[in-house]
C-alpha atoms as a PDB file:
ATOM      1  CA  LYS A   1       0.085   0.120  -0.087  1.00  0.00           C
ATOM      2  CA  LEU A   2       3.475   2.057   1.255  1.00  0.00           C
ATOM      3  CA  GLN A   3       4.140   1.798  -2.028  1.00  0.00           C
ATOM      4  CA  ALA A   4       0.813   2.023  -4.426  1.00  0.00           C
ATOM      5  CA  ALA A   5       0.609   5.746  -2.669  1.00  0.00           C
ATOM      6  CA  GLY A   6       3.900   6.965  -3.097  1.00  0.00           C
ATOM      7  CA  ASN A   7       4.268   5.426  -7.126  1.00  0.00           C
ATOM      8  CA  SER A   8       7.569   4.245  -6.187  1.00  0.00           C
ATOM      9  CA  CYS A   9       9.503   1.776  -4.290  1.00  0.00           C
ATOM     10  CA  VAL A  10      10.128   1.390  -0.486  1.00  0.00           C
ATOM     11  CA  ASN A  11      14.070   0.902  -0.240  1.00  0.00           C
ATOM     12  CA  THR A  12      14.589  -2.448   0.211  1.00  0.00           C
ATOM     13  CA  PRO A  13      16.156  -4.230   3.486  1.00  0.00           C
ATOM     14  CA  ASN A  14      19.594  -5.144   3.173  1.00  0.00           C
ATOM     15  CA  VAL A  15      19.043  -8.916   3.389  1.00  0.00           C
ATOM     16  CA  PHE A  16      22.886  -9.673   4.222  1.00  0.00           C
ATOM     17  CA  SER A  17      23.265  -7.957   7.435  1.00  0.00           C
ATOM     18  CA  MET A  18      19.372  -9.808   8.048  1.00  0.00           C
ATOM     19  CA  TYR A  19      20.897 -12.804   7.432  1.00  0.00           C
ATOM     20  CA  VAL A  20      23.912 -12.354   9.517  1.00  0.00           C
ATOM     21  CA  THR A  21      21.683 -11.286  12.686  1.00  0.00           C
ATOM     22  CA  ASN A  22      19.680 -14.471  11.976  1.00  0.00           C
ATOM     23  CA  LEU A  23      22.636 -16.762  11.884  1.00  0.00           C
ATOM     24  CA  VAL A  24      24.348 -14.962  15.309  1.00  0.00           C
ATOM     25  CA  LEU A  25      21.343 -15.233  17.087  1.00  0.00           C
ATOM     26  CA  LYS A  26      20.852 -18.599  16.155  1.00  0.00           C
ATOM     27  CA  HIS A  27      24.149 -18.848  17.772  1.00  0.00           C
ATOM     28  CA  LEU A  28      23.739 -16.980  21.002  1.00  0.00           C
ATOM     29  CA  MET A  29      20.553 -18.939  21.488  1.00  0.00           C
ATOM     30  CA  GLU A  30      21.700 -22.581  20.996  1.00  0.00           C
ATOM     31  CA  ASN A  31      25.180 -21.192  23.143  1.00  0.00           C
ATOM     32  CA  GLY A  32      23.055 -20.613  26.497  1.00  0.00           C
ATOM     33  CA  GLY A  33      21.493 -17.513  25.261  1.00  0.00           C
ATOM     34  CA  LEU A  34      22.662 -13.600  26.276  1.00  0.00           C
ATOM     35  CA  LYS A  35      23.020 -14.370  29.651  1.00  0.00           C
ATOM     36  CA  ARG A  36      25.963 -16.884  28.904  1.00  0.00           C
ATOM     37  CA  PHE A  37      27.796 -14.901  26.879  1.00  0.00           C
ATOM     38  CA  CYS A  38      27.573 -11.928  29.498  1.00  0.00           C
ATOM     39  CA  GLU A  39      29.500 -14.263  31.647  1.00  0.00           C
ATOM     40  CA  LEU A  40      31.911 -15.150  29.640  1.00  0.00           C
ATOM     41  CA  SER A  41      32.711 -11.582  28.944  1.00  0.00           C
ATOM     42  CA  THR A  42      33.050 -11.012  32.498  1.00  0.00           C
ATOM     43  CA  GLN A  43      35.267 -13.991  32.764  1.00  0.00           C
ATOM     44  CA  LYS A  44      37.676 -12.983  30.087  1.00  0.00           C
ATOM     45  CA  SER A  45      37.760  -9.514  30.790  1.00  0.00           C
ATOM     46  CA  SER A  46      38.407 -10.070  34.498  1.00  0.00           C
ATOM     47  CA  ILE A  47      41.467 -12.208  33.277  1.00  0.00           C
ATOM     48  CA  LEU A  48      42.543  -9.631  31.774  1.00  0.00           C
ATOM     49  CA  TYR A  49      42.245  -7.082  34.088  1.00  0.00           C
ATOM     50  CA  ASN A  50      43.729  -9.276  36.763  1.00  0.00           C
ATOM     51  CA  VAL A  51      46.715  -9.883  35.035  1.00  0.00           C
ATOM     52  CA  ILE A  52      46.987  -5.405  34.069  1.00  0.00           C
ATOM     53  CA  ASP A  53      46.479  -4.995  38.005  1.00  0.00           C
ATOM     54  CA  ASN A  54      48.834  -7.497  39.200  1.00  0.00           C
ATOM     55  CA  SER A  55      51.706  -6.544  37.011  1.00  0.00           C
ATOM     56  CA  ASN A  56      53.237  -4.700  40.138  1.00  0.00           C
ATOM     57  CA  GLY A  57      53.079  -1.385  37.534  1.00  0.00           C
ATOM     58  CA  PHE A  58      54.396  -3.050  34.395  1.00  0.00           C
ATOM     59  CA  TYR A  59      50.877  -2.829  33.003  1.00  0.00           C
ATOM     60  CA  SER A  60      48.610  -0.239  34.102  1.00  0.00           C
ATOM     61  CA  CYS A  61      45.068   0.764  33.393  1.00  0.00           C
ATOM     62  CA  LYS A  62      43.762   4.111  33.688  1.00  0.00           C
ATOM     63  CA  ILE A  63      39.692   3.882  34.151  1.00  0.00           C
ATOM     64  CA  GLU A  64      38.565   2.842  37.358  1.00  0.00           C
ATOM     65  CA  LYS A  65      37.882  -0.285  38.032  1.00  0.00           C
ATOM     66  CA  ASP A  66      34.071   0.170  38.592  1.00  0.00           C
ATOM     67  CA  SER A  67      33.815   2.061  35.010  1.00  0.00           C
ATOM     68  CA  ARG A  68      35.740  -0.839  32.788  1.00  0.00           C
ATOM     69  CA  SER A  69      35.039  -2.472  29.674  1.00  0.00           C
ATOM     70  CA  ARG A  70      34.324  -5.484  28.728  1.00  0.00           C
ATOM     71  CA  MET A  71      34.468  -5.555  25.093  1.00  0.00           C
ATOM     72  CA  ASN A  72      37.644  -3.185  25.193  1.00  0.00           C
ATOM     73  CA  VAL A  73      40.290  -3.695  27.884  1.00  0.00           C
ATOM     74  CA  THR A  74      43.280  -1.096  27.553  1.00  0.00           C
ATOM     75  CA  PHE A  75      45.973  -0.855  28.794  1.00  0.00           C
ATOM     76  CA  ASN A  76      49.132   1.382  28.747  1.00  0.00           C
ATOM     77  CA  LEU A  77      52.979  -0.238  29.531  1.00  0.00           C
ATOM     78  CA  THR A  78      55.207   1.667  31.570  1.00  0.00           C
ATOM     79  CA  THR A  79      57.486   3.018  28.066  1.00  0.00           C
ATOM     80  CA  LYS A  80      56.063   4.028  25.118  1.00  0.00           C
ATOM     81  CA  GLU A  81      59.187   2.090  23.950  1.00  0.00           C
ATOM     82  CA  LEU A  82      57.539  -0.824  25.468  1.00  0.00           C
ATOM     83  CA  GLU A  83      53.800  -0.116  23.882  1.00  0.00           C
ATOM     84  CA  ALA A  84      56.213   0.225  20.669  1.00  0.00           C
ATOM     85  CA  GLU A  85      57.459  -3.219  20.894  1.00  0.00           C
ATOM     86  CA  PHE A  86      54.195  -4.801  22.110  1.00  0.00           C
ATOM     87  CA  VAL A  87      52.384  -3.702  19.040  1.00  0.00           C
ATOM     88  CA  LYS A  88      55.190  -4.603  16.639  1.00  0.00           C
ATOM     89  CA  LYS A  89      54.973  -8.428  18.097  1.00  0.00           C
ATOM     90  CA  ALA A  90      51.113  -8.431  17.563  1.00  0.00           C
ATOM     91  CA  ALA A  91      51.515  -6.853  14.272  1.00  0.00           C
ATOM     92  CA  ASP A  92      54.124 -10.067  13.348  1.00  0.00           C
ATOM     93  CA  VAL A  93      51.449 -12.661  14.881  1.00  0.00           C
ATOM     94  CA  LYS A  94      48.568 -10.916  13.297  1.00  0.00           C
ATOM     95  CA  ILE A  95      46.650  -9.569  15.801  1.00  0.00           C
ATOM     96  CA  GLU A  96      45.547  -5.560  14.360  1.00  0.00           C
ATOM     97  CA  GLY A  97      44.318  -3.007  15.769  1.00  0.00           C
ATOM     98  CA  VAL A  98      46.030  -3.603  19.680  1.00  0.00           C
ATOM     99  CA  LYS A  99      47.831   0.245  19.399  1.00  0.00           C
ATOM    100  CA  GLY A 100      44.764   2.356  20.447  1.00  0.00           C
ATOM    101  CA  HIS A 101      43.801   5.942  20.521  1.00  0.00           C
ATOM    102  CA  ARG A 102      44.951   8.377  22.600  1.00  0.00           C
END
């Protein structure tokens, strides 16, 4: 009715993104649902933050503990040289985008 009234076609929805979303949602539901993935995310980020917090200052996180992300664990090393070496060694094993932004 909308198409006929406007004498045109409504925009076609992005079918591929709908298909991928469907696959992701099926995977979530088949593997414990959103609650389970939230638990896994918390466990994984906690492991990283524990290493950072117990590194005796080798790693540091400037984010307050109650504001830390489970998706983007941020940290710094003690010197800019070590950070550059970390980024290079990560790239050597095909881990990209770890430098972040300032």
